[in-house]
């Protein structure tokens, strides 16, 4: 008798619960009744015309990222969406930017969210912590992988000897208007059996070799990027993924 009563009571509870759930579904409020807590912290709304996102291989992402202190691994990231047409305007909203985020960037990161290249340094979060939303228009930005190699490797470390003055060591111009045609698929004058940049093969590209090991030229080049291993990795990955313009 006791077991029978328990069983009937259990059936009644189940029936009551099902009736409540079905009633909520009929009213369209099953999910609306959930408590949604607002995300704390600053909100950044970034807009701009961004080109070159699709030139990055899958190992990388173009993101809006927040970093804490000197940490080169992002604490928070939001992917920049691929625009309908290259260079069209995009919008990125990053919520929950906490007080421990000391810098924000439009940048490239690898799979581990390690910082690789900065495109635009964004306003410091500490200057806007009393606000709800910070709006930032970055204008027109080329984030293409080759453009990044040009500006952050060639322009920063190579053109002083290779073209900035109108002349170039070994007649190799690495300025933005000439570097691609001068490098990709072109044989080395010093080692003609090698291409300066062999698309898809950084290990056999003369450009990569001279930056990894000395002895390929009369003037050693290893020290040029020895203090910037990320830039060397970036250049090699650009070559390995086809050296696209």
Protein backbone atom coordinates (compact mmCIF):
# COMPACT_ATOMS: atom_id res chain seq x y z
CA UNK A 1 0.00 0.00 0.00
CA UNK A 2 2.83 2.36 0.93
CA UNK A 3 4.73 1.66 -2.34
CA UNK A 4 1.60 2.25 -4.37
CA UNK A 5 1.06 5.67 -2.81
CA UNK A 6 4.66 6.68 -3.49
CA UNK A 7 4.32 5.58 -7.09
CA UNK A 8 1.11 7.56 -7.58
CA UNK A 9 2.66 10.63 -5.96
CA UNK A 10 5.71 10.36 -8.24
CA UNK A 11 3.49 10.14 -11.31
CA UNK A 12 1.56 13.19 -10.16
CA UNK A 13 4.73 15.23 -9.72
CA UNK A 14 5.98 14.28 -13.18
CA UNK A 15 2.63 15.17 -14.72
CA UNK A 16 2.62 18.52 -12.94
CA UNK A 17 6.16 19.31 -14.11
CA UNK A 18 5.33 18.39 -17.71
CA UNK A 19 2.22 20.55 -17.62
CA UNK A 20 4.26 23.50 -16.36
CA UNK A 21 6.90 23.06 -19.06
CA UNK A 22 4.31 22.68 -21.82
CA UNK A 23 2.50 25.76 -20.60
CA UNK A 24 5.76 27.76 -20.68
CA UNK A 25 6.46 26.53 -24.21
CA UNK A 26 2.99 27.51 -25.35
CA UNK A 27 3.53 31.00 -23.99
CA UNK A 28 6.93 31.22 -25.67
CA UNK A 29 8.69 32.00 -22.39
CA UNK A 30 10.61 28.84 -21.50
CA UNK A 31 13.97 30.51 -22.18
CA UNK A 32 12.84 34.03 -21.42
CA UNK A 33 12.38 33.08 -17.76
CA UNK A 34 16.10 32.37 -17.40
CA UNK A 35 18.04 34.93 -15.41
CA UNK A 36 20.64 36.61 -17.65
CA UNK A 37 23.32 38.49 -15.78
CA UNK A 38 24.88 41.43 -17.62
CA UNK A 39 28.61 41.11 -18.36
CA UNK A 40 30.67 43.37 -16.15
CA UNK A 41 33.42 45.62 -17.44
CA UNK A 42 33.99 47.99 -20.30
CA UNK A 43 32.51 47.50 -23.78
CA UNK A 44 34.54 48.43 -26.86
CA UNK A 45 32.82 48.99 -30.18
CA UNK A 46 35.33 49.08 -33.05
CA UNK A 47 34.49 50.04 -36.61
CA UNK A 48 36.66 50.44 -39.68
CA UNK A 49 37.43 49.34 -43.21
CA UNK A 50 39.69 46.32 -42.90
CA UNK A 51 41.33 44.49 -45.80
CA UNK A 52 43.51 41.40 -46.01
CA UNK A 53 41.90 39.24 -43.31
CA UNK A 54 41.55 36.29 -45.68
CA UNK A 55 45.29 36.23 -46.48
CA UNK A 56 46.09 34.74 -43.07
CA UNK A 57 46.28 30.93 -42.76
CA UNK A 58 44.26 29.01 -40.19
CA UNK A 59 47.05 29.12 -37.62
CA UNK A 60 46.38 32.83 -37.10
CA UNK A 61 43.46 35.13 -36.37
CA UNK A 62 42.94 38.86 -36.84
CA UNK A 63 41.33 40.01 -33.62
CA UNK A 64 40.61 42.79 -31.20
CA UNK A 65 42.56 41.63 -28.17
CA UNK A 66 43.13 42.72 -24.60
CA UNK A 67 46.41 42.09 -22.79
CA UNK A 68 47.33 42.32 -19.14
CA UNK A 69 50.65 43.94 -18.20
CA UNK A 70 53.58 42.59 -20.22
CA UNK A 71 51.83 39.32 -20.96
CA UNK A 72 51.99 38.58 -24.70
CA UNK A 73 49.11 36.10 -24.46
CA UNK A 74 45.74 37.78 -24.84
CA UNK A 75 43.34 37.65 -21.89
CA UNK A 76 40.38 38.42 -24.14
CA UNK A 77 39.91 38.27 -27.92
CA UNK A 78 37.17 38.84 -30.47
CA UNK A 79 37.66 37.83 -34.09
CA UNK A 80 37.29 40.53 -36.72
CA UNK A 81 34.61 39.24 -39.12
CA UNK A 82 35.44 38.72 -42.77
CA UNK A 83 33.66 41.53 -44.64
CA UNK A 84 31.37 40.79 -47.57
CA UNK A 85 33.94 42.44 -49.83
CA UNK A 86 37.58 42.99 -48.96
CA UNK A 87 38.02 46.41 -47.42
CA UNK A 88 34.37 46.91 -46.54
CA UNK A 89 33.45 48.23 -43.11
CA UNK A 90 33.37 45.84 -40.20
CA UNK A 91 32.14 46.15 -36.64
CA UNK A 92 33.52 44.34 -33.61
CA UNK A 93 31.98 44.57 -30.14
CA UNK A 94 34.09 43.35 -27.23
CA UNK A 95 32.32 43.14 -23.87
CA UNK A 96 33.56 42.35 -20.39
CA UNK A 97 36.87 44.23 -20.56
CA UNK A 98 38.03 44.14 -16.94
CA UNK A 99 40.30 46.48 -15.03
CA UNK A 100 43.29 44.13 -15.34
CA UNK A 101 43.39 44.66 -19.13
CA UNK A 102 46.10 47.28 -19.65
CA UNK A 103 46.15 47.48 -23.44
CA UNK A 104 43.83 46.82 -26.35
CA UNK A 105 44.93 46.21 -29.94
CA UNK A 106 43.71 45.34 -33.37
CA UNK A 107 46.28 42.63 -33.99
CA UNK A 108 47.15 39.13 -35.19
CA UNK A 109 47.46 36.25 -32.74
CA UNK A 110 48.35 32.59 -33.17
CA UNK A 111 46.30 29.57 -32.06
CA UNK A 112 47.46 30.04 -28.46
CA UNK A 113 46.36 33.71 -28.57
CA UNK A 114 50.00 34.76 -28.50
CA UNK A 115 50.53 38.24 -29.89
CA UNK A 116 52.21 38.25 -33.32
CA UNK A 117 51.70 41.67 -34.92
CA UNK A 118 50.02 44.95 -34.00
CA UNK A 119 47.95 46.80 -36.60
CA UNK A 120 46.37 49.50 -34.43
CA UNK A 121 46.96 50.31 -30.76
CA UNK A 122 43.54 51.13 -29.31
CA UNK A 123 42.64 53.50 -26.44
CA UNK A 124 43.84 52.39 -23.02
CA UNK A 125 41.00 50.79 -21.01
CA UNK A 126 42.13 52.59 -17.84
CA UNK A 127 41.19 55.92 -19.42
CA UNK A 128 37.58 54.86 -19.96
CA UNK A 129 36.67 52.66 -16.98
CA UNK A 130 33.94 55.08 -15.88
CA UNK A 131 32.16 54.66 -19.21
CA UNK A 132 29.84 51.94 -20.43
CA UNK A 133 30.99 51.83 -24.05
CA UNK A 134 34.03 53.15 -25.89
CA UNK A 135 33.62 53.69 -29.63
CA UNK A 136 36.70 53.58 -31.83
CA UNK A 137 36.86 54.08 -35.61
CA UNK A 138 40.22 52.80 -36.89
CA UNK A 139 39.67 54.10 -40.43
CA UNK A 140 41.16 52.05 -43.28
CA UNK A 141 43.56 49.31 -42.22
CA UNK A 142 45.45 46.75 -44.33
CA UNK A 143 45.99 43.68 -42.15
CA UNK A 144 47.18 41.43 -44.98
CA UNK A 145 49.91 38.94 -44.09
CA UNK A 146 52.31 40.13 -46.79
CA UNK A 147 51.63 43.76 -45.90
CA UNK A 148 52.48 42.86 -42.29
CA UNK A 149 55.76 41.23 -43.37
CA UNK A 150 56.54 44.31 -45.44
CA UNK A 151 55.89 46.86 -42.72
CA UNK A 152 57.08 44.94 -39.68
CA UNK A 153 60.02 43.03 -41.17
CA UNK A 154 61.31 44.65 -44.37
CA UNK A 155 60.52 48.30 -43.59
CA UNK A 156 61.57 47.97 -39.96
CA UNK A 157 64.77 45.98 -40.42
CA UNK A 158 65.87 45.70 -44.06
CA UNK A 159 65.19 48.72 -46.25
CA UNK A 160 67.93 50.87 -44.74
CA UNK A 161 70.31 48.74 -46.82
CA UNK A 162 67.85 47.54 -49.43
CA UNK A 163 66.25 50.49 -51.15
CA UNK A 164 65.32 53.28 -48.76
CA UNK A 165 68.11 55.52 -50.07
CA UNK A 166 67.40 54.75 -53.73
CA UNK A 167 70.15 52.15 -53.96
CA UNK A 168 70.11 48.56 -52.69
CA UNK A 169 72.74 46.15 -51.43
CA UNK A 170 73.10 43.23 -53.88
CA UNK A 171 70.60 45.15 -56.06
CA UNK A 172 67.81 43.72 -53.91
CA UNK A 173 65.09 46.30 -53.30
CA UNK A 174 62.85 45.50 -50.35
CA UNK A 175 60.78 48.67 -50.34
CA UNK A 176 57.02 48.26 -50.48
CA UNK A 177 56.73 49.11 -54.16
CA UNK A 178 59.34 46.58 -55.28
CA UNK A 179 59.87 43.81 -52.73
CA UNK A 180 57.29 41.27 -53.89
CA UNK A 181 58.43 41.22 -57.51
CA UNK A 182 62.07 41.24 -56.40
CA UNK A 183 61.71 38.25 -54.08
CA UNK A 184 59.01 35.77 -55.02
CA UNK A 185 60.15 33.21 -57.55
CA UNK A 186 63.41 35.07 -58.23
CA UNK A 187 66.77 33.22 -58.13
CA UNK A 188 69.43 34.35 -55.70
CA UNK A 189 72.47 35.99 -57.28
CA UNK A 190 74.72 34.33 -54.69
CA UNK A 191 73.14 30.88 -54.77
CA UNK A 192 71.39 30.67 -58.17
CA UNK A 193 70.09 27.17 -57.44
CA UNK A 194 67.84 28.69 -54.78
CA UNK A 195 64.95 31.10 -55.13
CA UNK A 196 64.97 34.15 -52.89
CA UNK A 197 61.43 33.19 -51.91
CA UNK A 198 60.19 29.77 -52.92
CA UNK A 199 56.42 29.80 -52.31
CA UNK A 200 55.45 26.98 -49.96
CA UNK A 201 59.02 26.24 -48.85
CA UNK A 202 60.68 28.57 -46.38
CA UNK A 203 63.45 26.04 -45.65
CA UNK A 204 64.69 26.31 -49.23
CA UNK A 205 64.15 30.07 -49.62
CA UNK A 206 67.36 32.10 -49.65
CA UNK A 207 65.69 34.96 -47.79
CA UNK A 208 64.83 32.69 -44.87
CA UNK A 209 68.21 30.97 -44.88
CA UNK A 210 70.23 34.18 -44.54
CA UNK A 211 68.11 35.24 -41.58
CA UNK A 212 68.43 31.86 -39.84
CA UNK A 213 72.12 31.10 -40.37
CA UNK A 214 75.25 33.01 -41.26
CA UNK A 215 77.58 32.24 -44.14
CA UNK A 216 75.29 32.66 -47.15
CA UNK A 217 76.40 36.24 -47.86
CA UNK A 218 79.49 38.38 -47.33
CA UNK A 219 77.63 40.18 -44.53
CA UNK A 220 75.93 38.15 -41.82
CA UNK A 221 72.19 38.68 -41.32
CA UNK A 222 71.21 36.47 -38.36
CA UNK A 223 71.32 39.35 -35.92
CA UNK A 224 68.70 41.31 -37.89
CA UNK A 225 65.74 39.39 -36.45
CA UNK A 226 67.45 37.48 -33.64
CA UNK A 227 65.73 39.68 -31.09
CA UNK A 228 62.36 39.35 -32.82
CA UNK A 229 61.68 35.62 -33.22
CA UNK A 230 57.97 36.25 -33.80
CA UNK A 231 58.75 38.30 -36.91
CA UNK A 232 61.01 35.55 -38.22
CA UNK A 233 58.26 32.99 -37.62
CA UNK A 234 55.75 35.26 -39.32
CA UNK A 235 57.92 35.66 -42.41
CA UNK A 236 58.58 31.91 -42.64
CA UNK A 237 54.86 31.13 -42.28
CA UNK A 238 54.05 33.64 -45.00
CA UNK A 239 56.42 31.78 -47.33
CA UNK A 240 55.24 28.31 -46.24
CA UNK A 241 51.63 29.25 -46.92
CA UNK A 242 52.30 30.27 -50.49
CA UNK A 243 53.87 33.75 -50.20
CA UNK A 244 50.63 35.41 -51.27
CA UNK A 245 50.72 39.15 -52.11
